[in-house]
N, C-alpha and C. Protein backbone atom coordinates (compact mmCIF):
# COMPACT_ATOMS: atom_id res chain seq x y z
N UNK A 1 19.33 -14.37 19.92
CA UNK A 1 17.92 -13.11 20.60
C UNK A 1 17.77 -12.99 18.91
N UNK A 2 16.60 -13.01 18.67
CA UNK A 2 15.76 -12.47 17.32
C UNK A 2 15.50 -10.55 17.96
N UNK A 3 15.80 -10.23 16.33
CA UNK A 3 15.80 -8.45 15.93
C UNK A 3 14.25 -7.51 15.83
N UNK A 4 14.36 -7.21 17.12
CA UNK A 4 12.98 -6.10 17.07
C UNK A 4 12.50 -5.10 15.83
N UNK A 5 11.89 -5.25 15.63
CA UNK A 5 11.30 -4.43 14.87
C UNK A 5 11.75 -3.40 15.29
N UNK A 6 12.14 -1.98 14.59
CA UNK A 6 11.39 -1.10 14.95
C UNK A 6 10.75 -0.06 15.25
N UNK A 7 10.88 0.80 16.28
CA UNK A 7 9.50 1.67 16.67
C UNK A 7 9.85 2.06 15.02
N UNK A 8 9.36 2.39 14.60
CA UNK A 8 9.53 3.61 13.29
C UNK A 8 8.21 2.49 12.31
N UNK A 9 9.40 1.17 12.42
CA UNK A 9 8.89 0.47 11.55
C UNK A 9 7.50 -0.11 11.47
N UNK A 10 7.44 0.09 12.81
CA UNK A 10 6.45 -1.09 13.73
C UNK A 10 4.82 0.11 13.43
N UNK A 11 5.63 1.57 13.42
CA UNK A 11 4.34 2.96 12.70
C UNK A 11 4.40 2.67 11.70
N UNK A 12 5.29 2.30 10.28
CA UNK A 12 4.69 2.32 8.99
C UNK A 12 3.99 0.90 9.13
N UNK A 13 3.97 -0.51 9.75
CA UNK A 13 3.43 -1.39 9.35
C UNK A 13 1.36 -0.90 9.80
N UNK A 14 2.19 -0.17 10.57
CA UNK A 14 0.71 0.58 11.38
C UNK A 14 -0.76 0.66 10.09
N UNK A 15 0.21 2.19 10.39
CA UNK A 15 -0.52 2.80 9.29
C UNK A 15 0.00 2.18 7.79
N UNK A 16 0.44 1.55 7.04
CA UNK A 16 -0.53 0.97 5.60
C UNK A 16 -1.48 -0.18 6.38
N UNK A 17 -1.55 -0.90 7.71
CA UNK A 17 -2.67 -1.44 7.16
C UNK A 17 -3.95 -0.40 7.91
N UNK A 18 -3.86 0.47 8.71
CA UNK A 18 -5.50 1.23 8.91
C UNK A 18 -5.29 1.95 7.29
N UNK A 19 -4.52 2.37 6.46
CA UNK A 19 -4.72 3.02 5.22
C UNK A 19 -5.11 1.79 4.34
N UNK A 20 -4.73 1.26 4.18
CA UNK A 20 -5.31 -0.67 3.33
C UNK A 20 -6.61 -1.12 3.65
N UNK A 21 -6.87 -0.66 5.00
CA UNK A 21 -8.24 -1.31 5.28
C UNK A 21 -8.83 0.08 4.50
N UNK A 22 -9.29 1.63 5.00
CA UNK A 22 -10.08 2.14 4.80
C UNK A 22 -10.01 2.50 2.74
N UNK A 23 -8.53 2.59 2.44
CA UNK A 23 -8.94 2.00 0.86
C UNK A 23 -9.77 0.71 0.37
N UNK A 24 -9.02 0.06 0.86
CA UNK A 24 -9.32 -1.19 0.25
C UNK A 24 -11.07 -1.82 0.20
N UNK A 25 -11.59 -1.36 1.32
CA UNK A 25 -13.52 -0.85 1.46
C UNK A 25 -14.33 -0.20 1.53
N UNK A 26 -13.60 1.03 0.41
CA UNK A 26 -13.81 1.19 -0.12
C UNK A 26 -14.14 1.24 -1.72
N UNK A 27 -13.01 1.01 -2.23
CA UNK A 27 -12.25 0.28 -3.29
C UNK A 27 -13.50 -0.42 -3.54
N UNK A 28 -13.51 -1.64 -2.65
CA UNK A 28 -14.29 -3.08 -3.02
C UNK A 28 -15.36 -3.32 -2.83
N UNK A 29 -15.90 -2.23 -2.36
CA UNK A 29 -17.54 -2.45 -2.12
C UNK A 29 -18.21 -1.28 -2.38
N UNK A 30 -17.68 0.50 -2.25
CA UNK A 30 -18.16 1.44 -3.10
C UNK A 30 -17.10 2.24 -3.96
N UNK A 31 -16.52 1.86 -5.02
CA UNK A 31 -15.90 2.30 -6.36
C UNK A 31 -16.73 3.76 -6.37
N UNK A 32 -17.97 3.53 -6.38
CA UNK A 32 -18.16 4.51 -6.56
C UNK A 32 -18.16 6.09 -6.32
N UNK A 33 -17.67 5.90 -4.53
CA UNK A 33 -17.92 6.73 -4.01
C UNK A 33 -16.56 7.81 -4.33
N UNK A 34 -15.82 6.67 -4.36
CA UNK A 34 -14.59 7.59 -4.53
C UNK A 34 -14.49 8.25 -5.73
N UNK A 35 -15.19 7.77 -6.59
CA UNK A 35 -14.55 7.84 -8.11
C UNK A 35 -16.23 9.40 -8.22
N UNK A 36 -16.42 9.84 -7.65
CA UNK A 36 -17.98 10.53 -7.45
C UNK A 36 -17.31 12.11 -6.71
N UNK A 37 -16.69 11.64 -5.25
CA UNK A 37 -15.35 12.19 -4.78
C UNK A 37 -14.84 12.83 -5.44
N UNK A 38 -13.91 12.42 -6.60
CA UNK A 38 -13.17 12.82 -7.02
C UNK A 38 -13.18 12.96 -8.92
N UNK A 39 -14.65 13.30 -9.23
CA UNK A 39 -15.00 13.24 -10.57
C UNK A 39 -14.56 13.03 -11.42
N UNK A 40 -14.60 11.62 -11.05
CA UNK A 40 -13.44 10.42 -12.04
C UNK A 40 -15.09 9.29 -12.64
N UNK A 41 -15.14 9.27 -14.03
CA UNK A 41 -15.89 8.56 -14.32
C UNK A 41 -15.65 6.67 -14.22
N UNK A 42 -16.93 5.90 -13.24
CA UNK A 42 -15.92 4.51 -13.23
C UNK A 42 -16.91 4.07 -14.83
N UNK A 43 -15.67 3.01 -15.59
CA UNK A 43 -15.86 2.59 -16.74
C UNK A 43 -15.70 1.48 -16.34
N UNK A 44 -15.27 1.00 -15.12
CA UNK A 44 -14.72 -0.75 -15.19
C UNK A 44 -14.44 -1.12 -13.28
N UNK A 45 -15.96 -1.33 -13.08
CA UNK A 45 -16.17 -2.03 -11.26
C UNK A 45 -15.27 -2.42 -10.81
N UNK A 46 -15.08 -4.05 -11.54
CA UNK A 46 -13.77 -5.14 -11.69
C UNK A 46 -12.62 -4.15 -11.24
N UNK A 47 -12.40 -3.87 -12.04
CA UNK A 47 -10.90 -2.83 -11.49
C UNK A 47 -10.90 -2.54 -10.10
N UNK A 48 -11.22 -1.84 -9.62
CA UNK A 48 -11.54 -1.02 -8.55
C UNK A 48 -11.69 -2.01 -7.44
N UNK A 49 -12.54 -2.66 -7.38
CA UNK A 49 -12.73 -3.72 -6.42
C UNK A 49 -11.90 -5.07 -6.33
N UNK A 50 -10.83 -5.24 -7.44
CA UNK A 50 -9.36 -6.27 -7.20
C UNK A 50 -8.55 -5.15 -6.41
N UNK A 51 -8.27 -4.54 -7.28
CA UNK A 51 -7.26 -3.38 -6.18
C UNK A 51 -7.60 -3.00 -4.84
N UNK A 52 -9.27 -3.55 -4.44
CA UNK A 52 -9.59 -2.99 -2.85
C UNK A 52 -9.36 -4.12 -2.62
N UNK A 53 -9.33 -5.29 -3.22
CA UNK A 53 -9.15 -6.42 -2.63
C UNK A 53 -7.40 -6.71 -2.52
N UNK A 54 -6.81 -6.21 -3.04
CA UNK A 54 -5.46 -6.46 -2.25
C UNK A 54 -4.84 -5.12 -1.78
N UNK A 55 -5.17 -4.02 -1.54
CA UNK A 55 -5.16 -3.41 -0.58
C UNK A 55 -5.74 -3.85 0.30
N UNK A 56 -6.50 -4.42 0.65
CA UNK A 56 -7.11 -5.47 2.60
C UNK A 56 -6.21 -6.30 2.31
N UNK A 57 -5.88 -7.28 1.35
CA UNK A 57 -4.58 -8.18 1.29
C UNK A 57 -3.16 -7.39 1.97
N UNK A 58 -2.65 -6.85 1.58
CA UNK A 58 -1.60 -5.73 1.65
C UNK A 58 -0.87 -5.03 3.45
N UNK A 59 -2.65 -4.42 3.36
CA UNK A 59 -2.65 -3.91 4.54
C UNK A 59 -2.60 -5.01 5.30
N UNK A 60 -3.69 -5.73 5.37
CA UNK A 60 -3.61 -6.93 6.82
C UNK A 60 -2.56 -7.34 6.31
N UNK A 61 -1.42 -8.03 5.63
CA UNK A 61 0.38 -9.05 5.90
C UNK A 61 1.03 -7.56 6.72
N UNK A 62 0.60 -5.89 6.34
CA UNK A 62 1.17 -5.08 7.22
C UNK A 62 0.77 -5.43 8.79
N UNK A 63 0.04 -6.54 9.77
CA UNK A 63 -0.65 -5.98 10.78
C UNK A 63 -0.10 -7.13 10.63
N UNK A 64 0.18 -8.25 9.95
CA UNK A 64 0.50 -9.84 10.39
C UNK A 64 2.13 -9.82 10.95
N UNK A 65 2.74 -9.04 10.07
CA UNK A 65 3.72 -8.57 10.43
C UNK A 65 4.49 -7.25 11.79
N UNK A 66 3.29 -6.25 11.71
CA UNK A 66 3.19 -6.04 13.70
C UNK A 66 3.64 -6.88 14.19
N UNK A 67 2.62 -7.70 14.42
CA UNK A 67 2.11 -8.20 15.31
C UNK A 67 3.46 -9.47 16.05
N UNK A 68 4.03 -9.81 14.97
CA UNK A 68 5.52 -10.73 14.99
C UNK A 68 6.51 -10.34 15.70
N UNK A 69 6.24 -8.42 15.26
CA UNK A 69 7.29 -7.77 16.51
C UNK A 69 9.00 -8.07 16.48
N UNK A 70 9.55 -9.55 15.30
CA UNK A 70 10.37 -9.68 14.84
C UNK A 70 10.53 -9.71 13.29
N UNK A 71 12.25 -9.03 13.18
CA UNK A 71 12.74 -8.67 12.37
C UNK A 71 12.09 -10.08 10.65
N UNK A 72 13.07 -10.84 11.08
CA UNK A 72 12.81 -11.67 10.49
C UNK A 72 12.14 -12.05 10.20
N UNK A 73 10.87 -12.41 11.53
CA UNK A 73 9.35 -12.91 10.58
C UNK A 73 8.70 -11.54 9.34
N UNK A 74 8.58 -10.23 9.81
CA UNK A 74 8.67 -9.57 9.23
C UNK A 74 9.39 -9.40 8.05
N UNK A 75 10.59 -8.88 7.44
CA UNK A 75 11.53 -9.59 6.18
C UNK A 75 10.74 -9.69 5.43
N UNK A 76 9.86 -10.62 5.20
CA UNK A 76 9.11 -11.27 3.94
C UNK A 76 8.16 -9.91 3.01
N UNK A 77 7.29 -9.49 4.33
CA UNK A 77 6.77 -8.65 4.01
C UNK A 77 6.65 -7.46 3.67
N UNK A 78 7.93 -7.15 4.61
CA UNK A 78 8.47 -5.86 3.59
C UNK A 78 9.44 -5.53 2.07
N UNK A 79 9.71 -6.96 2.17
CA UNK A 79 9.97 -7.13 0.59
C UNK A 79 9.23 -7.48 -0.80
N UNK A 80 7.95 -7.89 -0.06
CA UNK A 80 7.13 -8.25 -0.55
C UNK A 80 6.51 -7.20 -1.21
N UNK A 81 6.07 -5.96 -0.41
CA UNK A 81 5.86 -4.77 0.36
C UNK A 81 6.12 -3.82 -1.70
N UNK A 82 7.54 -3.91 -1.05
CA UNK A 82 8.85 -3.04 -2.17
C UNK A 82 8.64 -3.88 -3.61
N UNK A 83 8.57 -4.68 -4.07
CA UNK A 83 7.98 -5.51 -4.84
C UNK A 83 7.08 -4.45 -5.53
N UNK A 84 5.91 -5.00 -5.33
CA UNK A 84 4.98 -4.73 -5.26
C UNK A 84 4.34 -2.86 -5.60
N UNK A 85 4.99 -2.25 -4.65
CA UNK A 85 5.29 -0.71 -4.82
C UNK A 85 5.63 -0.43 -5.83
N UNK A 86 7.59 -0.63 -5.95
CA UNK A 86 8.00 -0.33 -7.41
C UNK A 86 7.00 -0.31 -8.59
N UNK A 87 7.07 -1.77 -8.98
CA UNK A 87 5.90 -2.66 -9.54
C UNK A 87 4.29 -1.55 -10.23
N UNK A 88 3.87 -0.96 -8.61
CA UNK A 88 2.48 -0.22 -8.90
C UNK A 88 2.65 0.59 -8.83
N UNK A 89 3.68 2.00 -8.51
CA UNK A 89 4.19 2.59 -8.92
C UNK A 89 4.40 3.41 -10.24
N UNK A 90 5.58 1.66 -11.29
CA UNK A 90 5.16 1.59 -12.46
C UNK A 90 4.25 1.92 -13.03
N UNK A 91 3.31 1.60 -12.87
CA UNK A 91 1.93 1.10 -13.85
C UNK A 91 0.88 3.07 -13.45
N UNK A 92 1.18 3.20 -11.60
CA UNK A 92 0.31 3.93 -11.90
C UNK A 92 1.12 5.09 -12.55
N UNK A 93 2.45 4.97 -13.00
CA UNK A 93 3.20 6.65 -13.76
C UNK A 93 2.49 6.10 -15.05
N UNK A 94 2.29 5.51 -16.09
CA UNK A 94 1.75 4.66 -16.97
C UNK A 94 0.85 5.21 -17.49
N UNK A 95 -0.36 4.92 -16.35
CA UNK A 95 -1.56 5.15 -16.03
C UNK A 95 -1.70 6.60 -16.12
N UNK A 96 -1.05 7.90 -15.21
CA UNK A 96 -1.53 9.26 -15.35
C UNK A 96 -1.18 9.76 -16.02
N UNK A 97 0.18 9.74 -16.15
CA UNK A 97 1.15 10.47 -17.79
C UNK A 97 0.01 10.20 -18.53
N UNK A 98 -0.36 8.53 -19.24
CA UNK A 98 -1.73 8.27 -20.63
C UNK A 98 -2.94 9.31 -20.61
N UNK A 99 -3.67 8.72 -19.06
CA UNK A 99 -5.18 9.28 -19.17
C UNK A 99 -5.63 9.06 -17.42
N UNK A 100 -5.12 8.20 -17.06
CA UNK A 100 -5.58 9.00 -15.57
C UNK A 100 -5.61 10.15 -14.81
N UNK A 101 -6.53 9.74 -13.76
CA UNK A 101 -7.35 11.73 -13.41
C UNK A 101 -5.78 12.19 -12.54
N UNK A 102 -6.51 13.04 -12.14
CA UNK A 102 -5.80 13.68 -11.74
C UNK A 102 -5.71 13.07 -9.54
N UNK A 103 -6.65 13.02 -10.19
CA UNK A 103 -6.86 12.25 -8.16
C UNK A 103 -5.68 10.66 -8.31
N UNK A 104 -5.50 10.48 -9.67
CA UNK A 104 -4.99 9.72 -8.73
C UNK A 104 -3.83 9.56 -8.80
N UNK A 105 -2.94 11.00 -8.49
CA UNK A 105 -1.46 11.33 -8.30
C UNK A 105 -1.63 11.72 -6.94
N UNK A 106 -2.73 12.07 -6.82
CA UNK A 106 -2.76 11.32 -4.64
C UNK A 106 -2.49 9.96 -4.27
N UNK A 107 -3.23 8.77 -5.28
CA UNK A 107 -2.13 6.89 -4.94
C UNK A 107 -1.09 7.10 -4.82
N UNK A 108 -0.21 7.69 -6.38
CA UNK A 108 0.88 7.36 -6.53
C UNK A 108 2.10 8.26 -5.79
N UNK A 109 1.55 9.15 -4.71
CA UNK A 109 1.97 10.30 -3.42
C UNK A 109 2.42 8.90 -2.51
N UNK A 110 1.05 8.47 -2.06
CA UNK A 110 1.08 7.02 -1.34
C UNK A 110 2.19 6.67 -1.10
N UNK A 111 2.24 6.36 -2.73
CA UNK A 111 2.80 4.46 -2.63
C UNK A 111 4.33 5.05 -2.60
N UNK A 112 4.75 6.59 -3.63
CA UNK A 112 5.96 6.65 -3.51
C UNK A 112 6.28 6.53 -2.13
N UNK A 113 5.48 7.42 -0.92
CA UNK A 113 5.90 7.49 0.53
C UNK A 113 6.05 6.58 0.92
N UNK A 114 5.31 5.59 0.94
CA UNK A 114 5.41 4.05 1.48
C UNK A 114 6.61 3.47 0.85
N UNK A 115 6.91 3.81 -0.22
CA UNK A 115 8.24 2.70 -0.80
C UNK A 115 8.84 3.63 -0.08
N UNK A 116 9.75 4.81 0.14
CA UNK A 116 10.98 5.15 0.88
C UNK A 116 10.20 4.91 1.92
N UNK A 117 9.86 4.61 2.60
CA UNK A 117 9.40 4.27 4.09
C UNK A 117 10.31 2.94 4.60
N UNK A 118 9.79 1.89 3.09
CA UNK A 118 9.92 0.89 2.92
C UNK A 118 11.72 0.36 3.00
N UNK A 119 11.72 1.20 1.89
CA UNK A 119 13.20 1.15 1.60
C UNK A 119 14.19 1.46 3.27
N UNK A 120 13.97 3.08 3.06
CA UNK A 120 14.36 3.08 4.92
C UNK A 120 14.61 2.31 6.27
N UNK A 121 13.71 1.68 6.06
CA UNK A 121 13.07 0.76 7.81
C UNK A 121 14.20 -0.60 6.62
N UNK A 122 13.45 -1.10 5.81
CA UNK A 122 14.39 -2.33 5.10
C UNK A 122 15.98 -2.45 5.32
N UNK A 123 16.92 -1.03 4.97
CA UNK A 123 18.06 -0.79 4.81
C UNK A 123 18.41 -0.66 6.66
N UNK A 124 18.06 0.03 7.39
CA UNK A 124 17.52 0.28 8.48
C UNK A 124 17.50 -0.91 9.16
N UNK A 125 17.13 -1.68 8.79
CA UNK A 125 16.71 -3.52 9.75
C UNK A 125 17.69 -3.57 9.18
N UNK A 126 18.53 -3.92 8.43
CA UNK A 126 19.45 -4.93 7.48
C UNK A 126 20.83 -4.76 8.35
N UNK A 127 21.21 -3.20 8.95
CA UNK A 127 22.28 -3.23 9.01
C UNK A 127 22.59 -3.99 10.28
């Protein structure tokens, strides 16, 4: 019998999907909105749009993992998220400490929260 996803992991997947959809849509189509909201001058629309596309793709992957209801099928999505979040956090810290806007720390915090959640549920599901 297949090992089902824990309810907590299902909630993380759904939350990740919703936030990925919102942030991805804003960054892909309206990067100026985010930058104006936090008084950050936009110099490269392309970088924001790529982040938006990645957010939509990763959020969509979380929806697929959630719908699978099976740990063995969802496990690869969690592993991918762990790799993405670790590297994204390193890049975010590098950017924010060097020259990034204060508002970037909000995204960093969101990444860190999802990293902790995915690590926790990965360990829990592997037991």
